[in-house]
Amino acid sequence: MAKHETPDLNDRLEYAALVALLAVMRTPSARRGRGWGRALGRFAARSVPLRRRVALENLAAAFPEMDASGREAVYRGMLENLGEVLAGFARFGKRRPEPITGTIRVVNPEAFAEARDGGRGALLLTAHYGNWEALGAAGAACGYPVTVLGGRQRNPLVEALFARYRARMGLGTLTVGKSLKPLVKALREGSFVASLADQDGGPGGFFLDFLGRKASVQPGLFRLAARSGVPMVTGFAVRDGDGWRGELQSPVWPEPARDEASAEAEARRLATLYAARVERMVRERPDHWFWVHRRWRSRPPEERA
């Protein structure tokens, strides 16, 4: 939930700083903007390291064969990538945004049509990997309704800004709340609900193998898919020269649930498949993933005991 409904002075200052940064980053050409973004990432790595210790500890556990200099290089690459993603997102705020097709090329766009054969929507799941914002916008550019499902931001002004920028790219926005009704409604209306499901799922999540350790996976979306029968499409935006390549996997349809136990087992199967796909992508391009998450914070019951 938001910290408060009415923005305070800190919220307004934070919002003003973000608006100014985004305005500067969308001023040059798209190519120069990407360069500025990567330069910002390099500056952050040197001068204002973002959870550097957490990232290096995570890398050491996931890639024990990687030496210290290799881990530092991945950390710097991650921040450069984030700077480039921010520069691309800044261009969403133009009065006439540039076509996203000039930024990202979608591989296997047929996955969108296959997923909607049932007449309803689908879950479009990616991760904090590559350029996840461009991947959702690419779905909308392909002519499919896409609604981004995100967590509520601490700063309500920033949350509203994100929604405005995404709307300019043809994306809807939903925030996570206590009720699933808006989410279910979007799926019934045929929307692809795009979400990032790679953060810590808490003590009540599915504990699955992920990069060599048990990690808690948020179960809610997978339970929804198992109970409602909507398909799951996974996709990841991978760097491709000066742009991005959106790699979509074919939709996965849940097996019909006979009872509550079988629905839970199916939800766990879908979550396991998703986690394995994220792991494969991270191992291929570790600099694309957001290593500063405390991804393994929650521990399985046997370890807590």
Protein backbone atom coordinates (compact mmCIF):
# COMPACT_ATOMS: atom_id res chain seq x y z
CA MET A 1 0.00 0.00 0.00
CA ALA A 2 1.06 3.59 -0.49
CA LYS A 3 2.70 5.34 2.41
CA HIS A 4 -0.04 7.94 2.41
CA GLU A 5 -2.80 9.14 0.13
CA THR A 6 -1.77 12.81 0.03
CA PRO A 7 1.78 13.44 -1.30
CA ASP A 8 4.07 15.19 1.17
CA LEU A 9 7.05 17.45 0.48
CA ASN A 10 9.50 14.55 0.08
CA ASP A 11 7.16 12.94 -2.45
CA ARG A 12 6.94 16.16 -4.43
CA LEU A 13 10.71 16.68 -4.42
CA GLU A 14 11.34 13.08 -5.48
CA TYR A 15 8.74 13.41 -8.24
CA ALA A 16 10.22 16.69 -9.50
CA ALA A 17 13.71 15.17 -9.63
CA LEU A 18 12.45 12.16 -11.57
CA VAL A 19 10.50 14.31 -14.04
CA ALA A 20 13.59 16.45 -14.64
CA LEU A 21 15.80 13.39 -15.16
CA LEU A 22 13.37 11.81 -17.62
CA ALA A 23 13.02 15.09 -19.52
CA VAL A 24 16.79 15.35 -19.92
CA MET A 25 17.14 11.72 -21.00
CA ARG A 26 14.56 11.99 -23.77
CA THR A 27 16.04 15.19 -25.21
CA PRO A 28 18.71 13.62 -27.46
CA SER A 29 18.13 11.08 -30.20
CA ALA A 30 17.17 7.59 -29.09
CA ARG A 31 20.68 6.33 -29.82
CA ARG A 32 22.36 9.12 -27.85
CA GLY A 33 19.81 8.65 -25.08
CA ARG A 34 20.86 5.01 -24.74
CA GLY A 35 24.46 6.14 -24.48
CA TRP A 36 23.53 8.65 -21.79
CA GLY A 37 21.68 5.94 -19.90
CA ARG A 38 24.65 3.59 -19.95
CA ALA A 39 26.92 6.43 -18.84
CA LEU A 40 24.55 7.09 -15.95
CA GLY A 41 24.82 3.42 -15.00
CA ARG A 42 28.62 3.55 -15.03
CA PHE A 43 28.54 6.67 -12.87
CA ALA A 44 26.21 4.94 -10.40
CA ALA A 45 28.49 1.91 -10.21
CA ARG A 46 31.45 4.13 -9.29
CA SER A 47 29.88 6.82 -7.16
CA VAL A 48 26.49 5.76 -5.77
CA PRO A 49 26.52 1.95 -5.82
CA LEU A 50 23.01 0.51 -5.55
CA ARG A 51 23.01 -2.36 -3.04
CA ARG A 52 26.39 -3.43 -4.32
CA ARG A 53 27.05 -5.81 -1.45
CA VAL A 54 23.70 -7.59 -1.93
CA ALA A 55 24.30 -7.95 -5.66
CA LEU A 56 27.83 -9.33 -5.26
CA GLU A 57 26.71 -11.79 -2.59
CA ASN A 58 23.90 -13.02 -4.83
CA LEU A 59 26.30 -13.41 -7.76
CA ALA A 60 28.82 -15.32 -5.65
CA ALA A 61 26.16 -17.80 -4.58
CA ALA A 62 24.65 -18.21 -8.06
CA PHE A 63 27.97 -18.37 -9.94
CA PRO A 64 30.57 -19.84 -7.53
CA GLU A 65 32.94 -20.34 -10.47
CA MET A 66 32.97 -16.59 -11.23
CA ASP A 67 35.86 -14.59 -9.77
CA ALA A 68 35.55 -11.21 -8.04
CA SER A 69 36.40 -9.20 -11.15
CA GLY A 70 33.76 -11.11 -13.12
CA ARG A 71 31.13 -10.34 -10.48
CA GLU A 72 32.08 -6.66 -10.53
CA ALA A 73 31.75 -6.63 -14.31
CA VAL A 74 28.26 -8.15 -14.14
CA TYR A 75 27.26 -5.58 -11.49
CA ARG A 76 28.46 -2.70 -13.68
CA GLY A 77 26.73 -4.20 -16.71
CA MET A 78 23.49 -4.48 -14.75
CA LEU A 79 23.56 -0.79 -13.83
CA GLU A 80 24.42 0.21 -17.40
CA ASN A 81 21.46 -1.85 -18.59
CA LEU A 82 19.16 -0.19 -16.05
CA GLY A 83 20.32 3.22 -17.22
CA GLU A 84 19.51 2.28 -20.80
CA VAL A 85 16.08 0.94 -19.80
CA LEU A 86 15.40 4.22 -17.98
CA ALA A 87 16.42 6.19 -21.08
CA GLY A 88 14.02 4.12 -23.18
CA PHE A 89 11.22 4.57 -20.66
CA ALA A 90 11.82 8.33 -20.70
CA ARG A 91 10.85 8.37 -24.38
CA PHE A 92 7.43 6.94 -23.45
CA GLY A 93 6.74 10.42 -22.05
CA LYS A 94 6.98 12.24 -25.39
CA ARG A 95 3.76 13.83 -26.60
CA ARG A 96 4.03 11.66 -29.68
CA PRO A 97 5.99 8.60 -28.53
CA GLU A 98 8.16 6.89 -31.11
CA PRO A 99 6.94 3.50 -32.39
CA ILE A 100 8.29 0.81 -30.09
CA THR A 101 8.94 -1.36 -33.15
CA GLY A 102 12.06 0.74 -33.72
CA THR A 103 13.36 -0.37 -30.32
CA ILE A 104 12.39 -4.04 -29.99
CA ARG A 105 11.87 -6.87 -32.48
CA VAL A 106 9.42 -9.55 -31.35
CA VAL A 107 10.34 -13.17 -32.00
CA ASN A 108 7.40 -15.62 -32.19
CA PRO A 109 4.61 -12.99 -32.14
CA GLU A 110 2.27 -15.89 -32.98
CA ALA A 111 2.30 -16.68 -29.25
CA PHE A 112 -0.09 -13.75 -28.70
CA ALA A 113 -2.65 -15.10 -31.19
CA GLU A 114 -2.32 -18.67 -29.88
CA ALA A 115 -2.94 -17.54 -26.31
CA ARG A 116 -6.17 -15.76 -27.26
CA ASP A 117 -7.67 -18.71 -29.13
CA GLY A 118 -9.75 -19.44 -26.05
CA GLY A 119 -11.44 -16.05 -26.29
CA ARG A 120 -10.05 -14.79 -23.00
CA GLY A 121 -6.87 -13.03 -22.02
CA ALA A 122 -3.62 -14.48 -20.78
CA LEU A 123 -0.83 -13.87 -18.33
CA LEU A 124 2.25 -12.32 -19.94
CA LEU A 125 5.04 -13.04 -17.47
CA THR A 126 8.57 -11.71 -17.66
CA ALA A 127 11.15 -10.73 -15.05
CA HIS A 128 13.34 -7.81 -14.00
CA TYR A 129 15.44 -8.77 -16.97
CA GLY A 130 16.62 -6.85 -20.01
CA ASN A 131 14.12 -4.21 -21.11
CA TRP A 132 10.89 -5.46 -19.55
CA GLU A 133 9.06 -2.18 -20.19
CA ALA A 134 9.67 -2.44 -23.94
CA LEU A 135 8.39 -6.02 -23.98
CA GLY A 136 4.95 -5.01 -22.67
CA ALA A 137 4.77 -2.08 -25.08
CA ALA A 138 5.68 -4.42 -27.95
CA GLY A 139 2.61 -6.53 -27.19
CA ALA A 140 0.40 -3.46 -27.47
CA ALA A 141 2.15 -2.48 -30.71
CA CYS A 142 1.29 -5.92 -32.11
CA GLY A 143 -2.37 -4.99 -31.68
CA TYR A 144 -3.14 -6.82 -28.45
CA PRO A 145 -4.56 -5.21 -25.30
CA VAL A 146 -1.90 -5.31 -22.58
CA THR A 147 -2.46 -4.32 -18.96
CA VAL A 148 0.58 -3.93 -16.72
CA LEU A 149 0.10 -5.30 -13.21
CA GLY A 150 2.44 -3.66 -10.71
CA GLY A 151 2.92 -3.14 -7.02
CA ARG A 152 1.76 0.05 -5.38
CA GLN A 153 4.54 2.62 -5.26
CA ARG A 154 5.56 4.35 -2.06
CA ASN A 155 5.19 7.70 -3.85
CA PRO A 156 1.70 8.15 -5.38
CA LEU A 157 2.96 10.86 -7.76
CA VAL A 158 5.54 8.48 -9.23
CA GLU A 159 2.90 5.75 -9.52
CA ALA A 160 0.65 8.11 -11.51
CA LEU A 161 3.59 9.12 -13.72
CA PHE A 162 4.32 5.50 -14.61
CA ALA A 163 0.65 4.97 -15.50
CA ARG A 164 0.62 8.05 -17.77
CA TYR A 165 3.78 7.03 -19.61
CA ARG A 166 2.48 3.51 -20.17
CA ALA A 167 -0.88 4.81 -21.37
CA ARG A 168 0.91 6.76 -24.11
CA MET A 169 2.27 3.43 -25.38
CA GLY A 170 -1.21 1.88 -25.38
CA LEU A 171 -0.80 0.03 -22.08
CA GLY A 172 -3.33 -0.20 -19.27
CA THR A 173 -2.25 -0.26 -15.63
CA LEU A 174 -3.47 -2.18 -12.61
CA THR A 175 -1.97 -2.01 -9.12
CA VAL A 176 -1.88 -4.97 -6.79
CA GLY A 177 -4.58 -4.73 -4.15
CA LYS A 178 -6.59 -6.90 -1.80
CA SER A 179 -9.16 -7.73 -4.47
CA LEU A 180 -8.44 -9.71 -7.63
CA LYS A 181 -11.64 -8.52 -9.31
CA PRO A 182 -9.97 -5.90 -11.58
CA LEU A 183 -7.40 -8.48 -12.66
CA VAL A 184 -10.03 -11.13 -13.38
CA LYS A 185 -12.10 -8.54 -15.27
CA ALA A 186 -9.13 -7.63 -17.48
CA LEU A 187 -8.55 -11.28 -18.32
CA ARG A 188 -12.22 -11.87 -19.12
CA GLU A 189 -12.15 -8.89 -21.46
CA GLY A 190 -9.29 -10.49 -23.38
CA SER A 191 -6.35 -8.49 -22.07
CA PHE A 192 -2.82 -9.78 -21.63
CA VAL A 193 -1.97 -9.03 -18.02
CA ALA A 194 1.78 -8.39 -17.91
CA SER A 195 3.63 -8.87 -14.66
CA LEU A 196 7.07 -9.50 -13.14
CA ALA A 197 6.98 -12.56 -10.88
CA ASP A 198 10.66 -12.94 -9.99
CA GLN A 199 10.76 -11.18 -6.61
CA ASP A 200 10.73 -12.87 -3.21
CA GLY A 201 7.34 -14.48 -2.61
CA GLY A 202 7.50 -14.43 1.20
CA PRO A 203 7.17 -17.35 3.63
CA GLY A 204 3.90 -18.45 1.98
CA GLY A 205 5.33 -18.78 -1.52
CA PHE A 206 6.32 -21.84 -3.52
CA PHE A 207 9.90 -22.74 -2.56
CA LEU A 208 11.56 -23.82 -5.79
CA ASP A 209 15.09 -24.33 -7.08
CA PHE A 210 16.44 -21.11 -8.53
CA LEU A 211 20.10 -20.49 -9.36
CA GLY A 212 21.31 -23.19 -6.99
CA ARG A 213 19.19 -22.33 -3.95
CA LYS A 214 15.60 -22.59 -2.83
CA ALA A 215 13.75 -19.35 -3.53
CA SER A 216 10.19 -18.33 -2.72
CA VAL A 217 8.06 -17.71 -5.82
CA GLN A 218 4.93 -15.56 -5.52
CA PRO A 219 2.04 -18.04 -5.94
CA GLY A 220 -0.92 -15.73 -6.65
CA LEU A 221 -0.76 -15.43 -10.45
CA PHE A 222 -0.02 -19.12 -10.91
CA ARG A 223 -2.96 -20.07 -8.69
CA LEU A 224 -5.18 -17.74 -10.68
CA ALA A 225 -4.07 -19.39 -13.94
CA ALA A 226 -4.60 -22.89 -12.56
CA ARG A 227 -8.10 -22.12 -11.29
CA SER A 228 -9.30 -20.02 -14.22
CA GLY A 229 -7.64 -21.90 -17.04
CA VAL A 230 -6.06 -18.82 -18.66
CA PRO A 231 -2.78 -19.55 -20.44
CA MET A 232 0.66 -18.33 -19.43
CA VAL A 233 2.98 -16.71 -21.96
CA THR A 234 6.56 -16.06 -20.87
CA GLY A 235 8.83 -13.61 -22.66
CA PHE A 236 12.12 -11.81 -22.19
CA ALA A 237 13.70 -8.76 -23.84
CA VAL A 238 17.32 -9.53 -24.75
CA ARG A 239 19.87 -7.04 -26.06
CA ASP A 240 20.21 -7.28 -29.84
CA GLY A 241 22.79 -4.87 -31.27
CA ASP A 242 21.61 -1.32 -30.61
CA GLY A 243 18.11 -2.51 -29.77
CA TRP A 244 16.26 -5.40 -28.14
CA ARG A 245 14.85 -8.75 -29.14
CA GLY A 246 11.61 -9.83 -27.46
CA GLU A 247 11.70 -13.62 -27.18
CA LEU A 248 8.24 -15.08 -26.59
CA GLN A 249 7.65 -18.72 -25.68
CA SER A 250 4.53 -20.53 -26.83
CA PRO A 251 1.61 -20.37 -24.39
CA VAL A 252 1.30 -22.93 -21.62
CA TRP A 253 -2.27 -24.01 -20.91
CA PRO A 254 -3.06 -25.20 -17.37
CA GLU A 255 -4.32 -28.72 -16.92
CA PRO A 256 -8.00 -28.70 -15.79
CA ALA A 257 -8.24 -28.86 -12.02
CA ARG A 258 -10.32 -31.70 -10.57
CA ASP A 259 -10.21 -30.38 -7.03
CA GLU A 260 -8.35 -27.96 -4.79
CA ALA A 261 -5.33 -30.25 -4.44
CA SER A 262 -4.91 -30.68 -8.19
CA ALA A 263 -5.32 -26.92 -8.74
CA GLU A 264 -2.54 -26.25 -6.22
CA ALA A 265 -0.30 -28.86 -7.86
CA GLU A 266 -0.91 -27.25 -11.26
CA ALA A 267 -0.12 -23.79 -9.89
CA ARG A 268 3.15 -25.15 -8.55
CA ARG A 269 3.95 -26.74 -11.93
CA LEU A 270 3.40 -23.42 -13.72
CA ALA A 271 5.55 -21.58 -11.17
CA THR A 272 8.32 -24.18 -11.55
CA LEU A 273 8.26 -23.78 -15.33
CA TYR A 274 8.39 -19.99 -15.03
CA ALA A 275 11.30 -20.07 -12.54
CA ALA A 276 13.25 -22.46 -14.78
CA ARG A 277 12.80 -20.16 -17.78
CA VAL A 278 13.95 -17.13 -15.82
CA GLU A 279 16.98 -19.06 -14.56
CA ARG A 280 17.92 -20.11 -18.10
CA MET A 281 17.82 -16.49 -19.29
CA VAL A 282 19.80 -15.24 -16.29
CA ARG A 283 22.52 -17.84 -16.84
CA GLU A 284 22.76 -16.82 -20.49
CA ARG A 285 22.98 -13.08 -19.79
CA PRO A 286 23.61 -12.43 -16.07
CA ASP A 287 24.10 -8.69 -16.63
CA HIS A 288 20.45 -8.44 -17.76
CA TRP A 289 18.98 -9.40 -14.36
CA PHE A 290 18.31 -7.19 -11.34
CA TRP A 291 20.76 -8.69 -8.82
CA VAL A 292 20.02 -6.14 -6.10
CA HIS A 293 16.78 -7.91 -5.11
CA ARG A 294 16.98 -9.78 -1.81
CA ARG A 295 15.70 -12.72 -3.83
CA TRP A 296 16.52 -15.44 -1.30
CA ARG A 297 15.40 -13.54 1.80
CA SER A 298 12.54 -15.94 2.65
CA ARG A 299 13.64 -19.39 3.61
CA PRO A 300 11.70 -22.70 3.39
CA PRO A 301 10.10 -24.09 6.55
CA GLU A 302 12.79 -26.74 7.10
CA GLU A 303 15.49 -24.07 7.19
CA ARG A 304 13.49 -21.77 9.44
CA ALA A 305 12.99 -24.61 11.89
